[in-house]
Amino acid sequence: MYTNPMQPHGPQGHQGHQGHQGPHVVYQADPNWQNMMKHKRDAIMHALHPHIGRKIRVTTIDGHTHEGVLINADGHHVYINMDPQYGHHQGHHRPIYTPAQYNQIITLVLFELLVILLLA
């Protein structure tokens, strides 16, 4: 179920199968964190958009590295056309199959990016 946070909604409680009333909050982000993340997202988008069509190297917070051409960036993802010249993906050498397999666009989550380098 999706609830639009901009739309008010009715009562939260309903009788569950085990007698529990209402939803149980598993996680709720701190409002300060939410504002900071929105600010960082806007800063990353502002930095990336002038470089669409150029070659970049991205390192994620998990240490994976991707190189390719920046195709697009929206408020949530970065899209990179993988570069066949380097023949690696996430720090590992990829086997050579066909050129079509290297012409892939990968999607990375914007908030998992640690470093973005402009290569050309």
PDB file of N, CA and C in Angstrom:
ATOM      1  N   MET A   1       0.839  -1.171   0.000  1.00  0.00           N
ATOM      2  CA  MET A   1       0.000   0.000   0.000  1.00  0.00           C
ATOM      3  C   MET A   1       0.884   1.235   0.000  1.00  0.00           C
ATOM      4  N   TYR A   2       0.522   2.212  -0.812  1.00  0.00           N
ATOM      5  CA  TYR A   2       1.240   3.484  -0.870  1.00  0.00           C
ATOM      6  C   TYR A   2       0.334   4.568  -0.319  1.00  0.00           C
ATOM      7  N   THR A   3       0.874   5.384   0.548  1.00  0.00           N
ATOM      8  CA  THR A   3       0.150   6.530   1.070  1.00  0.00           C
ATOM      9  C   THR A   3       0.908   7.783   0.675  1.00  0.00           C
ATOM     10  N   ASN A   4       0.238   8.672  -0.006  1.00  0.00           N
ATOM     11  CA  ASN A   4       0.842   9.931  -0.404  1.00  0.00           C
ATOM     12  C   ASN A   4       1.002  10.799   0.830  1.00  0.00           C
ATOM     13  N   PRO A   5       2.238  11.171   1.185  1.00  0.00           N
ATOM     14  CA  PRO A   5       2.441  11.963   2.408  1.00  0.00           C
ATOM     15  C   PRO A   5       1.837  13.359   2.319  1.00  0.00           C
ATOM     16  N   MET A   6       1.498  13.805   1.117  1.00  0.00           N
ATOM     17  CA  MET A   6       0.924  15.133   0.954  1.00  0.00           C
ATOM     18  C   MET A   6      -0.594  15.128   1.155  1.00  0.00           C
ATOM     19  N   GLN A   7      -1.214  13.963   1.163  1.00  0.00           N
ATOM     20  CA  GLN A   7      -2.655  13.845   1.317  1.00  0.00           C
ATOM     21  C   GLN A   7      -2.996  13.387   2.733  1.00  0.00           C
ATOM     22  N   PRO A   8      -3.927  14.065   3.403  1.00  0.00           N
ATOM     23  CA  PRO A   8      -4.332  13.580   4.720  1.00  0.00           C
ATOM     24  C   PRO A   8      -5.039  12.232   4.568  1.00  0.00           C
ATOM     25  N   HIS A   9      -4.906  11.394   5.550  1.00  0.00           N
ATOM     26  CA  HIS A   9      -5.560  10.101   5.494  1.00  0.00           C
ATOM     27  C   HIS A   9      -6.315   9.850   6.793  1.00  0.00           C
ATOM     28  N   GLY A  10      -7.192   8.891   6.737  1.00  0.00           N
ATOM     29  CA  GLY A  10      -8.102   8.607   7.839  1.00  0.00           C
ATOM     30  C   GLY A  10      -7.407   7.975   9.020  1.00  0.00           C
ATOM     31  N   PRO A  11      -8.187   7.394   9.924  1.00  0.00           N
ATOM     32  CA  PRO A  11      -7.639   6.799  11.144  1.00  0.00           C
ATOM     33  C   PRO A  11      -6.634   5.706  10.839  1.00  0.00           C
ATOM     34  N   GLN A  12      -5.614   5.627  11.656  1.00  0.00           N
ATOM     35  CA  GLN A  12      -4.526   4.681  11.452  1.00  0.00           C
ATOM     36  C   GLN A  12      -4.849   3.287  11.967  1.00  0.00           C
ATOM     37  N   GLY A  13      -5.713   3.177  12.918  1.00  0.00           N
ATOM     38  CA  GLY A  13      -5.921   1.896  13.588  1.00  0.00           C
ATOM     39  C   GLY A  13      -6.904   0.990  12.870  1.00  0.00           C
ATOM     40  N   HIS A  14      -6.635  -0.294  12.958  1.00  0.00           N
ATOM     41  CA  HIS A  14      -7.565  -1.319  12.531  1.00  0.00           C
ATOM     42  C   HIS A  14      -7.235  -2.588  13.301  1.00  0.00           C
ATOM     43  N   GLN A  15      -8.207  -3.427  13.476  1.00  0.00           N
ATOM     44  CA  GLN A  15      -8.005  -4.652  14.245  1.00  0.00           C
ATOM     45  C   GLN A  15      -7.229  -5.656  13.410  1.00  0.00           C
ATOM     46  N   GLY A  16      -6.066  -6.080  13.877  1.00  0.00           N
ATOM     47  CA  GLY A  16      -5.255  -7.056  13.168  1.00  0.00           C
ATOM     48  C   GLY A  16      -5.657  -8.471  13.507  1.00  0.00           C
ATOM     49  N   HIS A  17      -4.975  -9.424  12.890  1.00  0.00           N
ATOM     50  CA  HIS A  17      -5.283 -10.828  13.110  1.00  0.00           C
ATOM     51  C   HIS A  17      -4.941 -11.279  14.523  1.00  0.00           C
ATOM     52  N   GLN A  18      -3.944 -10.648  15.143  1.00  0.00           N
ATOM     53  CA  GLN A  18      -3.509 -11.092  16.456  1.00  0.00           C
ATOM     54  C   GLN A  18      -3.942 -10.127  17.559  1.00  0.00           C
ATOM     55  N   GLY A  19      -4.916  -9.273  17.256  1.00  0.00           N
ATOM     56  CA  GLY A  19      -5.423  -8.377  18.271  1.00  0.00           C
ATOM     57  C   GLY A  19      -4.631  -7.095  18.434  1.00  0.00           C
ATOM     58  N   HIS A  20      -3.676  -6.811  17.556  1.00  0.00           N
ATOM     59  CA  HIS A  20      -2.905  -5.574  17.633  1.00  0.00           C
ATOM     60  C   HIS A  20      -3.726  -4.439  17.044  1.00  0.00           C
ATOM     61  N   GLN A  21      -3.647  -3.281  17.653  1.00  0.00           N
ATOM     62  CA  GLN A  21      -4.369  -2.129  17.148  1.00  0.00           C
ATOM     63  C   GLN A  21      -3.409  -1.195  16.434  1.00  0.00           C
ATOM     64  N   GLY A  22      -3.728  -0.839  15.211  1.00  0.00           N
ATOM     65  CA  GLY A  22      -2.962   0.137  14.460  1.00  0.00           C
ATOM     66  C   GLY A  22      -1.625  -0.378  13.972  1.00  0.00           C
ATOM     67  N   PRO A  23      -0.965   0.423  13.146  1.00  0.00           N
ATOM     68  CA  PRO A  23       0.338   0.028  12.615  1.00  0.00           C
ATOM     69  C   PRO A  23       1.431   0.170  13.674  1.00  0.00           C
ATOM     70  N   HIS A  24       2.446  -0.616  13.523  1.00  0.00           N
ATOM     71  CA  HIS A  24       3.607  -0.561  14.412  1.00  0.00           C
ATOM     72  C   HIS A  24       4.752   0.086  13.639  1.00  0.00           C
ATOM     73  N   VAL A  25       5.288   1.197  14.129  1.00  0.00           N
ATOM     74  CA  VAL A  25       6.379   1.899  13.454  1.00  0.00           C
ATOM     75  C   VAL A  25       7.653   1.092  13.627  1.00  0.00           C
ATOM     76  N   VAL A  26       8.233   0.661  12.515  1.00  0.00           N
ATOM     77  CA  VAL A  26       9.486  -0.076  12.532  1.00  0.00           C
ATOM     78  C   VAL A  26      10.661   0.896  12.463  1.00  0.00           C
ATOM     79  N   TYR A  27      10.519   1.947  11.661  1.00  0.00           N
ATOM     80  CA  TYR A  27      11.574   2.951  11.516  1.00  0.00           C
ATOM     81  C   TYR A  27      10.931   4.258  11.106  1.00  0.00           C
ATOM     82  N   GLN A  28      11.419   5.362  11.665  1.00  0.00           N
ATOM     83  CA  GLN A  28      10.975   6.679  11.249  1.00  0.00           C
ATOM     84  C   GLN A  28      12.186   7.599  11.245  1.00  0.00           C
ATOM     85  N   ALA A  29      12.430   8.233  10.124  1.00  0.00           N
ATOM     86  CA  ALA A  29      13.585   9.115   9.985  1.00  0.00           C
ATOM     87  C   ALA A  29      13.416  10.370  10.829  1.00  0.00           C
ATOM     88  N   ASP A  30      14.514  10.832  11.358  1.00  0.00           N
ATOM     89  CA  ASP A  30      14.551  12.083  12.103  1.00  0.00           C
ATOM     90  C   ASP A  30      14.257  13.229  11.121  1.00  0.00           C
ATOM     91  N   PRO A  31      13.380  14.172  11.462  1.00  0.00           N
ATOM     92  CA  PRO A  31      13.060  15.278  10.551  1.00  0.00           C
ATOM     93  C   PRO A  31      14.300  16.079  10.136  1.00  0.00           C
ATOM     94  N   ASN A  32      15.282  16.243  11.018  1.00  0.00           N
ATOM     95  CA  ASN A  32      16.510  16.955  10.650  1.00  0.00           C
ATOM     96  C   ASN A  32      17.271  16.201   9.571  1.00  0.00           C
ATOM     97  N   TRP A  33      17.288  14.878   9.671  1.00  0.00           N
ATOM     98  CA  TRP A  33      17.959  14.042   8.679  1.00  0.00           C
ATOM     99  C   TRP A  33      17.273  14.196   7.329  1.00  0.00           C
ATOM    100  N   GLN A  34      15.947  14.226   7.328  1.00  0.00           N
ATOM    101  CA  GLN A  34      15.186  14.357   6.089  1.00  0.00           C
ATOM    102  C   GLN A  34      15.536  15.665   5.383  1.00  0.00           C
ATOM    103  N   ASN A  35      15.573  16.768   6.119  1.00  0.00           N
ATOM    104  CA  ASN A  35      15.915  18.060   5.515  1.00  0.00           C
ATOM    105  C   ASN A  35      17.340  18.056   4.973  1.00  0.00           C
ATOM    106  N   MET A  36      18.270  17.463   5.723  1.00  0.00           N
ATOM    107  CA  MET A  36      19.654  17.397   5.270  1.00  0.00           C
ATOM    108  C   MET A  36      19.764  16.570   3.987  1.00  0.00           C
ATOM    109  N   MET A  37      19.068  15.429   3.913  1.00  0.00           N
ATOM    110  CA  MET A  37      19.128  14.573   2.729  1.00  0.00           C
ATOM    111  C   MET A  37      18.542  15.276   1.508  1.00  0.00           C
ATOM    112  N   LYS A  38      17.465  16.021   1.688  1.00  0.00           N
ATOM    113  CA  LYS A  38      16.899  16.779   0.571  1.00  0.00           C
ATOM    114  C   LYS A  38      17.906  17.806   0.072  1.00  0.00           C
ATOM    115  N   HIS A  39      18.578  18.475   1.001  1.00  0.00           N
ATOM    116  CA  HIS A  39      19.585  19.467   0.627  1.00  0.00           C
ATOM    117  C   HIS A  39      20.741  18.803  -0.135  1.00  0.00           C
ATOM    118  N   LYS A  40      21.223  17.650   0.358  1.00  0.00           N
ATOM    119  CA  LYS A  40      22.320  16.939  -0.309  1.00  0.00           C
ATOM    120  C   LYS A  40      21.894  16.446  -1.683  1.00  0.00           C
ATOM    121  N   ARG A  41      20.666  15.924  -1.799  1.00  0.00           N
ATOM    122  CA  ARG A  41      20.158  15.460  -3.093  1.00  0.00           C
ATOM    123  C   ARG A  41      20.174  16.604  -4.107  1.00  0.00           C
ATOM    124  N   ASP A  42      19.683  17.766  -3.699  1.00  0.00           N
ATOM    125  CA  ASP A  42      19.666  18.917  -4.594  1.00  0.00           C
ATOM    126  C   ASP A  42      21.077  19.334  -4.989  1.00  0.00           C
ATOM    127  N   ALA A  43      22.014  19.278  -4.046  1.00  0.00           N
ATOM    128  CA  ALA A  43      23.404  19.647  -4.340  1.00  0.00           C
ATOM    129  C   ALA A  43      24.031  18.680  -5.342  1.00  0.00           C
ATOM    130  N   ILE A  44      23.782  17.382  -5.174  1.00  0.00           N
ATOM    131  CA  ILE A  44      24.329  16.389  -6.108  1.00  0.00           C
ATOM    132  C   ILE A  44      23.724  16.587  -7.494  1.00  0.00           C
ATOM    133  N   MET A  45      22.422  16.800  -7.556  1.00  0.00           N
ATOM    134  CA  MET A  45      21.765  17.010  -8.848  1.00  0.00           C
ATOM    135  C   MET A  45      22.328  18.248  -9.545  1.00  0.00           C
ATOM    136  N   HIS A  46      22.499  19.328  -8.790  1.00  0.00           N
ATOM    137  CA  HIS A  46      23.051  20.560  -9.359  1.00  0.00           C
ATOM    138  C   HIS A  46      24.469  20.327  -9.895  1.00  0.00           C
ATOM    139  N   ALA A  47      25.254  19.508  -9.195  1.00  0.00           N
ATOM    140  CA  ALA A  47      26.624  19.223  -9.619  1.00  0.00           C
ATOM    141  C   ALA A  47      26.668  18.301 -10.840  1.00  0.00           C
ATOM    142  N   LEU A  48      25.739  17.363 -10.953  1.00  0.00           N
ATOM    143  CA  LEU A  48      25.771  16.372 -12.033  1.00  0.00           C
ATOM    144  C   LEU A  48      25.206  16.872 -13.359  1.00  0.00           C
ATOM    145  N   HIS A  49      24.120  17.607 -13.333  1.00  0.00           N
ATOM    146  CA  HIS A  49      23.424  17.949 -14.573  1.00  0.00           C
ATOM    147  C   HIS A  49      24.287  18.621 -15.634  1.00  0.00           C
ATOM    148  N   PRO A  50      25.213  19.496 -15.320  1.00  0.00           N
ATOM    149  CA  PRO A  50      26.048  20.085 -16.380  1.00  0.00           C
ATOM    150  C   PRO A  50      26.962  19.067 -17.069  1.00  0.00           C
ATOM    151  N   HIS A  51      27.112  17.881 -16.479  1.00  0.00           N
ATOM    152  CA  HIS A  51      28.062  16.903 -17.007  1.00  0.00           C
ATOM    153  C   HIS A  51      27.396  15.714 -17.683  1.00  0.00           C
ATOM    154  N   ILE A  52      26.083  15.800 -17.925  1.00  0.00           N
ATOM    155  CA  ILE A  52      25.404  14.729 -18.648  1.00  0.00           C
ATOM    156  C   ILE A  52      26.043  14.609 -20.026  1.00  0.00           C
ATOM    157  N   GLY A  53      26.344  13.375 -20.418  1.00  0.00           N
ATOM    158  CA  GLY A  53      27.001  13.103 -21.692  1.00  0.00           C
ATOM    159  C   GLY A  53      28.508  12.989 -21.569  1.00  0.00           C
ATOM    160  N   ARG A  54      29.043  13.228 -20.382  1.00  0.00           N
ATOM    161  CA  ARG A  54      30.489  13.147 -20.176  1.00  0.00           C
ATOM    162  C   ARG A  54      30.837  11.888 -19.393  1.00  0.00           C
ATOM    163  N   LYS A  55      32.092  11.503 -19.488  1.00  0.00           N
ATOM    164  CA  LYS A  55      32.576  10.286 -18.847  1.00  0.00           C
ATOM    165  C   LYS A  55      32.861  10.551 -17.369  1.00  0.00           C
ATOM    166  N   ILE A  56      32.370   9.643 -16.496  1.00  0.00           N
ATOM    167  CA  ILE A  56      32.576   9.788 -15.062  1.00  0.00           C
ATOM    168  C   ILE A  56      33.004   8.460 -14.446  1.00  0.00           C
ATOM    169  N   ARG A  57      33.548   8.547 -13.259  1.00  0.00           N
ATOM    170  CA  ARG A  57      33.818   7.379 -12.414  1.00  0.00           C
ATOM    171  C   ARG A  57      33.088   7.629 -11.097  1.00  0.00           C
ATOM    172  N   VAL A  58      32.311   6.645 -10.667  1.00  0.00           N
ATOM    173  CA  VAL A  58      31.521   6.757  -9.449  1.00  0.00           C
ATOM    174  C   VAL A  58      31.967   5.682  -8.476  1.00  0.00           C
ATOM    175  N   THR A  59      32.166   6.052  -7.237  1.00  0.00           N
ATOM    176  CA  THR A  59      32.441   5.092  -6.169  1.00  0.00           C
ATOM    177  C   THR A  59      31.285   5.171  -5.188  1.00  0.00           C
ATOM    178  N   THR A  60      30.724   4.009  -4.838  1.00  0.00           N
ATOM    179  CA  THR A  60      29.601   3.959  -3.917  1.00  0.00           C
ATOM    180  C   THR A  60      30.088   3.840  -2.483  1.00  0.00           C
ATOM    181  N   ILE A  61      29.187   3.995  -1.536  1.00  0.00           N
ATOM    182  CA  ILE A  61      29.552   3.886  -0.130  1.00  0.00           C
ATOM    183  C   ILE A  61      29.999   2.477   0.229  1.00  0.00           C
ATOM    184  N   ASP A  62      29.664   1.498  -0.607  1.00  0.00           N
ATOM    185  CA  ASP A  62      30.094   0.113  -0.387  1.00  0.00           C
ATOM    186  C   ASP A  62      31.423  -0.199  -1.060  1.00  0.00           C
ATOM    187  N   GLY A  63      32.039   0.793  -1.715  1.00  0.00           N
ATOM    188  CA  GLY A  63      33.346   0.609  -2.328  1.00  0.00           C
ATOM    189  C   GLY A  63      33.320   0.114  -3.762  1.00  0.00           C
ATOM    190  N   HIS A  64      32.154   0.012  -4.391  1.00  0.00           N
ATOM    191  CA  HIS A  64      32.068  -0.409  -5.785  1.00  0.00           C
ATOM    192  C   HIS A  64      32.380   0.781  -6.685  1.00  0.00           C
ATOM    193  N   THR A  65      33.091   0.530  -7.773  1.00  0.00           N
ATOM    194  CA  THR A  65      33.463   1.580  -8.709  1.00  0.00           C
ATOM    195  C   THR A  65      32.847   1.283 -10.067  1.00  0.00           C
ATOM    196  N   HIS A  66      32.307   2.322 -10.702  1.00  0.00           N
ATOM    197  CA  HIS A  66      31.686   2.205 -12.022  1.00  0.00           C
ATOM    198  C   HIS A  66      32.217   3.337 -12.884  1.00  0.00           C
ATOM    199  N   GLU A  67      32.561   3.032 -14.138  1.00  0.00           N
ATOM    200  CA  GLU A  67      32.988   4.057 -15.084  1.00  0.00           C
ATOM    201  C   GLU A  67      32.104   3.990 -16.305  1.00  0.00           C
ATOM    202  N   GLY A  68      31.791   5.151 -16.834  1.00  0.00           N
ATOM    203  CA  GLY A  68      30.980   5.213 -18.032  1.00  0.00           C
ATOM    204  C   GLY A  68      30.525   6.629 -18.290  1.00  0.00           C
ATOM    205  N   VAL A  69      29.585   6.746 -19.200  1.00  0.00           N
ATOM    206  CA  VAL A  69      29.066   8.055 -19.589  1.00  0.00           C
ATOM    207  C   VAL A  69      27.803   8.336 -18.788  1.00  0.00           C
ATOM    208  N   LEU A  70      27.762   9.493 -18.174  1.00  0.00           N
ATOM    209  CA  LEU A  70      26.594   9.923 -17.419  1.00  0.00           C
ATOM    210  C   LEU A  70      25.458  10.184 -18.404  1.00  0.00           C
ATOM    211  N   ILE A  71      24.405   9.378 -18.317  1.00  0.00           N
ATOM    212  CA  ILE A  71      23.272   9.495 -19.226  1.00  0.00           C
ATOM    213  C   ILE A  71      22.208  10.428 -18.659  1.00  0.00           C
ATOM    214  N   ASN A  72      21.919  10.285 -17.375  1.00  0.00           N
ATOM    215  CA  ASN A  72      20.891  11.109 -16.751  1.00  0.00           C
ATOM    216  C   ASN A  72      21.027  11.008 -15.230  1.00  0.00           C
ATOM    217  N   ALA A  73      20.399  11.933 -14.569  1.00  0.00           N
ATOM    218  CA  ALA A  73      20.303  11.908 -13.111  1.00  0.00           C
ATOM    219  C   ALA A  73      18.968  12.528 -12.756  1.00  0.00           C
ATOM    220  N   ASP A  74      18.198  11.828 -11.942  1.00  0.00           N
ATOM    221  CA  ASP A  74      16.941  12.391 -11.473  1.00  0.00           C
ATOM    222  C   ASP A  74      17.052  12.555  -9.954  1.00  0.00           C
ATOM    223  N   GLY A  75      15.984  12.784  -9.283  1.00  0.00           N
ATOM    224  CA  GLY A  75      16.040  13.024  -7.854  1.00  0.00           C
ATOM    225  C   GLY A  75      16.405  11.822  -7.014  1.00  0.00           C
ATOM    226  N   HIS A  76      16.504  10.644  -7.641  1.00  0.00           N
ATOM    227  CA  HIS A  76      16.745   9.427  -6.876  1.00  0.00           C
ATOM    228  C   HIS A  76      17.866   8.550  -7.426  1.00  0.00           C
ATOM    229  N   HIS A  77      18.138   8.638  -8.725  1.00  0.00           N
ATOM    230  CA  HIS A  77      19.077   7.726  -9.368  1.00  0.00           C
ATOM    231  C   HIS A  77      20.021   8.450 -10.311  1.00  0.00           C
ATOM    232  N   VAL A  78      21.154   7.796 -10.553  1.00  0.00           N
ATOM    233  CA  VAL A  78      22.114   8.228 -11.561  1.00  0.00           C
ATOM    234  C   VAL A  78      22.190   7.110 -12.582  1.00  0.00           C
ATOM    235  N   TYR A  79      22.150   7.447 -13.864  1.00  0.00           N
ATOM    236  CA  TYR A  79      22.167   6.464 -14.942  1.00  0.00           C
ATOM    237  C   TYR A  79      23.476   6.595 -15.703  1.00  0.00           C
ATOM    238  N   ILE A  80      24.219   5.488 -15.788  1.00  0.00           N
ATOM    239  CA  ILE A  80      25.533   5.486 -16.419  1.00  0.00           C
ATOM    240  C   ILE A  80      25.562   4.432 -17.520  1.00  0.00           C
ATOM    241  N   ASN A  81      25.998   4.836 -18.715  1.00  0.00           N
ATOM    242  CA  ASN A  81      26.224   3.899 -19.803  1.00  0.00           C
ATOM    243  C   ASN A  81      27.627   3.351 -19.599  1.00  0.00           C
ATOM    244  N   MET A  82      27.723   2.046 -19.324  1.00  0.00           N
ATOM    245  CA  MET A  82      29.002   1.421 -18.990  1.00  0.00           C
ATOM    246  C   MET A  82      29.995   1.554 -20.142  1.00  0.00           C
ATOM    247  N   ASP A  83      31.234   1.790 -19.805  1.00  0.00           N
ATOM    248  CA  ASP A  83      32.294   2.018 -20.779  1.00  0.00           C
ATOM    249  C   ASP A  83      32.991   0.696 -21.128  1.00  0.00           C
ATOM    250  N   PRO A  84      32.849   0.204 -22.362  1.00  0.00           N
ATOM    251  CA  PRO A  84      33.477  -1.072 -22.730  1.00  0.00           C
ATOM    252  C   PRO A  84      34.999  -1.009 -22.772  1.00  0.00           C
ATOM    253  N   GLN A  85      35.574   0.156 -22.901  1.00  0.00           N
ATOM    254  CA  GLN A  85      37.028   0.289 -22.987  1.00  0.00           C
ATOM    255  C   GLN A  85      37.713  -0.247 -21.730  1.00  0.00           C
ATOM    256  N   TYR A  86      37.068  -0.068 -20.592  1.00  0.00           N
ATOM    257  CA  TYR A  86      37.696  -0.470 -19.345  1.00  0.00           C
ATOM    258  C   TYR A  86      37.372  -1.902 -18.960  1.00  0.00           C
ATOM    259  N   GLY A  87      36.230  -2.411 -19.435  1.00  0.00           N
ATOM    260  CA  GLY A  87      35.901  -3.821 -19.241  1.00  0.00           C
ATOM    261  C   GLY A  87      35.786  -4.252 -17.798  1.00  0.00           C
ATOM    262  N   HIS A  88      35.420  -3.348 -16.897  1.00  0.00           N
ATOM    263  CA  HIS A  88      35.194  -3.781 -15.524  1.00  0.00           C
ATOM    264  C   HIS A  88      33.920  -3.155 -14.985  1.00  0.00           C
ATOM    265  N   HIS A  89      33.408  -3.819 -13.998  1.00  0.00           N
ATOM    266  CA  HIS A  89      32.152  -3.424 -13.392  1.00  0.00           C
ATOM    267  C   HIS A  89      32.250  -3.766 -11.921  1.00  0.00           C
ATOM    268  N   GLN A  90      32.031  -2.790 -11.085  1.00  0.00           N
ATOM    269  CA  GLN A  90      32.103  -2.952  -9.635  1.00  0.00           C
ATOM    270  C   GLN A  90      33.465  -3.470  -9.189  1.00  0.00           C
ATOM    271  N   GLY A  91      34.506  -3.042  -9.859  1.00  0.00           N
ATOM    272  CA  GLY A  91      35.847  -3.395  -9.426  1.00  0.00           C
ATOM    273  C   GLY A  91      36.321  -4.767  -9.869  1.00  0.00           C
ATOM    274  N   HIS A  92      35.512  -5.493 -10.619  1.00  0.00           N
ATOM    275  CA  HIS A  92      35.892  -6.822 -11.078  1.00  0.00           C
ATOM    276  C   HIS A  92      35.937  -6.840 -12.601  1.00  0.00           C
ATOM    277  N   HIS A  93      36.872  -7.579 -13.174  1.00  0.00           N
ATOM    278  CA  HIS A  93      36.929  -7.699 -14.622  1.00  0.00           C
ATOM    279  C   HIS A  93      35.757  -8.519 -15.104  1.00  0.00           C
ATOM    280  N   ARG A  94      35.139  -8.039 -16.182  1.00  0.00           N
ATOM    281  CA  ARG A  94      34.003  -8.740 -16.756  1.00  0.00           C
ATOM    282  C   ARG A  94      34.485  -9.587 -17.926  1.00  0.00           C
ATOM    283  N   PRO A  95      33.915 -10.761 -18.121  1.00  0.00           N
ATOM    284  CA  PRO A  95      34.290 -11.564 -19.277  1.00  0.00           C
ATOM    285  C   PRO A  95      33.840 -10.883 -20.564  1.00  0.00           C
ATOM    286  N   ILE A  96      34.580 -11.118 -21.632  1.00  0.00           N
ATOM    287  CA  ILE A  96      34.246 -10.517 -22.924  1.00  0.00           C
ATOM    288  C   ILE A  96      33.240 -11.413 -23.639  1.00  0.00           C
ATOM    289  N   TYR A  97      32.082 -10.868 -23.969  1.00  0.00           N
ATOM    290  CA  TYR A  97      31.070 -11.602 -24.716  1.00  0.00           C
ATOM    291  C   TYR A  97      30.785 -10.862 -26.006  1.00  0.00           C
ATOM    292  N   THR A  98      29.849  -9.947 -25.991  1.00  0.00           N
ATOM    293  CA  THR A  98      29.510  -9.188 -27.194  1.00  0.00           C
ATOM    294  C   THR A  98      29.504  -7.708 -26.857  1.00  0.00           C
ATOM    295  N   PRO A  99      29.705  -6.852 -27.863  1.00  0.00           N
ATOM    296  CA  PRO A  99      29.653  -5.410 -27.599  1.00  0.00           C
ATOM    297  C   PRO A  99      28.312  -4.967 -27.021  1.00  0.00           C
ATOM    298  N   ALA A 100      27.234  -5.647 -27.393  1.00  0.00           N
ATOM    299  CA  ALA A 100      25.913  -5.260 -26.892  1.00  0.00           C
ATOM    300  C   ALA A 100      25.835  -5.387 -25.371  1.00  0.00           C
ATOM    301  N   GLN A 101      26.538  -6.341 -24.800  1.00  0.00           N
ATOM    302  CA  GLN A 101      26.503  -6.510 -23.349  1.00  0.00           C
ATOM    303  C   GLN A 101      27.214  -5.374 -22.635  1.00  0.00           C
ATOM    304  N   TYR A 102      28.164  -4.741 -23.302  1.00  0.00           N
ATOM    305  CA  TYR A 102      28.862  -3.617 -22.681  1.00  0.00           C
ATOM    306  C   TYR A 102      28.075  -2.318 -22.836  1.00  0.00           C
ATOM    307  N   ASN A 103      27.143  -2.294 -23.756  1.00  0.00           N
ATOM    308  CA  ASN A 103      26.339  -1.098 -23.972  1.00  0.00           C
ATOM    309  C   ASN A 103      25.149  -1.115 -23.023  1.00  0.00           C
ATOM    310  N   GLN A 104      25.435  -1.219 -21.743  1.00  0.00           N
ATOM    311  CA  GLN A 104      24.414  -1.294 -20.712  1.00  0.00           C
ATOM    312  C   GLN A 104      24.334   0.015 -19.959  1.00  0.00           C
ATOM    313  N   ILE A 105      23.127   0.347 -19.564  1.00  0.00           N
ATOM    314  CA  ILE A 105      22.939   1.501 -18.694  1.00  0.00           C
ATOM    315  C   ILE A 105      22.633   0.959 -17.311  1.00  0.00           C
ATOM    316  N   ILE A 106      23.469   1.318 -16.348  1.00  0.00           N
ATOM    317  CA  ILE A 106      23.221   0.884 -14.978  1.00  0.00           C
ATOM    318  C   ILE A 106      22.587   2.032 -14.204  1.00  0.00           C
ATOM    319  N   THR A 107      21.841   1.675 -13.202  1.00  0.00           N
ATOM    320  CA  THR A 107      21.168   2.647 -12.347  1.00  0.00           C
ATOM    321  C   THR A 107      21.765   2.547 -10.954  1.00  0.00           C
ATOM    322  N   LEU A 108      22.226   3.672 -10.439  1.00  0.00           N
ATOM    323  CA  LEU A 108      22.782   3.720  -9.091  1.00  0.00           C
ATOM    324  C   LEU A 108      21.916   4.635  -8.237  1.00  0.00           C
ATOM    325  N   VAL A 109      21.751   4.271  -6.984  1.00  0.00           N
ATOM    326  CA  VAL A 109      20.964   5.084  -6.062  1.00  0.00           C
ATOM    327  C   VAL A 109      21.773   6.312  -5.679  1.00  0.00           C
ATOM    328  N   LEU A 110      21.179   7.452  -5.850  1.00  0.00           N
ATOM    329  CA  LEU A 110      21.871   8.723  -5.630  1.00  0.00           C
ATOM    330  C   LEU A 110      22.502   8.819  -4.247  1.00  0.00           C
ATOM    331  N   PHE A 111      21.818   8.349  -3.215  1.00  0.00           N
ATOM    332  CA  PHE A 111      22.316   8.508  -1.854  1.00  0.00           C
ATOM    333  C   PHE A 111      23.387   7.497  -1.485  1.00  0.00           C
ATOM    334  N   GLU A 112      23.697   6.575  -2.387  1.00  0.00           N
ATOM    335  CA  GLU A 112      24.773   5.606  -2.111  1.00  0.00           C
ATOM    336  C   GLU A 112      26.089   6.026  -2.759  1.00  0.00           C
ATOM    337  N   LEU A 113      26.110   7.176  -3.405  1.00  0.00           N
ATOM    338  CA  LEU A 113      27.317   7.628  -4.085  1.00  0.00           C
ATOM    339  C   LEU A 113      28.222   8.365  -3.110  1.00  0.00           C
ATOM    340  N   LEU A 114      29.471   7.969  -3.102  1.00  0.00           N
ATOM    341  CA  LEU A 114      30.442   8.568  -2.204  1.00  0.00           C
ATOM    342  C   LEU A 114      31.312   9.570  -2.952  1.00  0.00           C
ATOM    343  N   VAL A 115      31.799   9.165  -4.128  1.00  0.00           N
ATOM    344  CA  VAL A 115      32.668  10.016  -4.931  1.00  0.00           C
ATOM    345  C   VAL A 115      32.216   9.949  -6.387  1.00  0.00           C
ATOM    346  N   ILE A 116      32.191  11.108  -7.046  1.00  0.00           N
ATOM    347  CA  ILE A 116      31.892  11.181  -8.471  1.00  0.00           C
ATOM    348  C   ILE A 116      33.025  11.983  -9.108  1.00  0.00           C
ATOM    349  N   LEU A 117      33.765  11.346 -10.013  1.00  0.00           N
ATOM    350  CA  LEU A 117      34.893  11.995 -10.681  1.00  0.00           C
ATOM    351  C   LEU A 117      34.559  12.226 -12.143  1.00  0.00           C
ATOM    352  N   LEU A 118      34.857  13.398 -12.644  1.00  0.00           N
ATOM    353  CA  LEU A 118      34.720  13.695 -14.061  1.00  0.00           C
ATOM    354  C   LEU A 118      36.007  13.249 -14.741  1.00  0.00           C
ATOM    355  N   LEU A 119      35.912  12.349 -15.731  1.00  0.00           N
ATOM    356  CA  LEU A 119      37.102  11.798 -16.363  1.00  0.00           C
ATOM    357  C   LEU A 119      37.445  12.458 -17.677  1.00  0.00           C
ATOM    358  N   ALA A 120      36.483  12.960 -18.396  1.00  0.00           N
ATOM    359  CA  ALA A 120      36.779  13.580 -19.700  1.00  0.00           C
ATOM    360  C   ALA A 120      35.884  14.751 -19.930  1.00  0.00           C
TER     361      ALA A 120
END
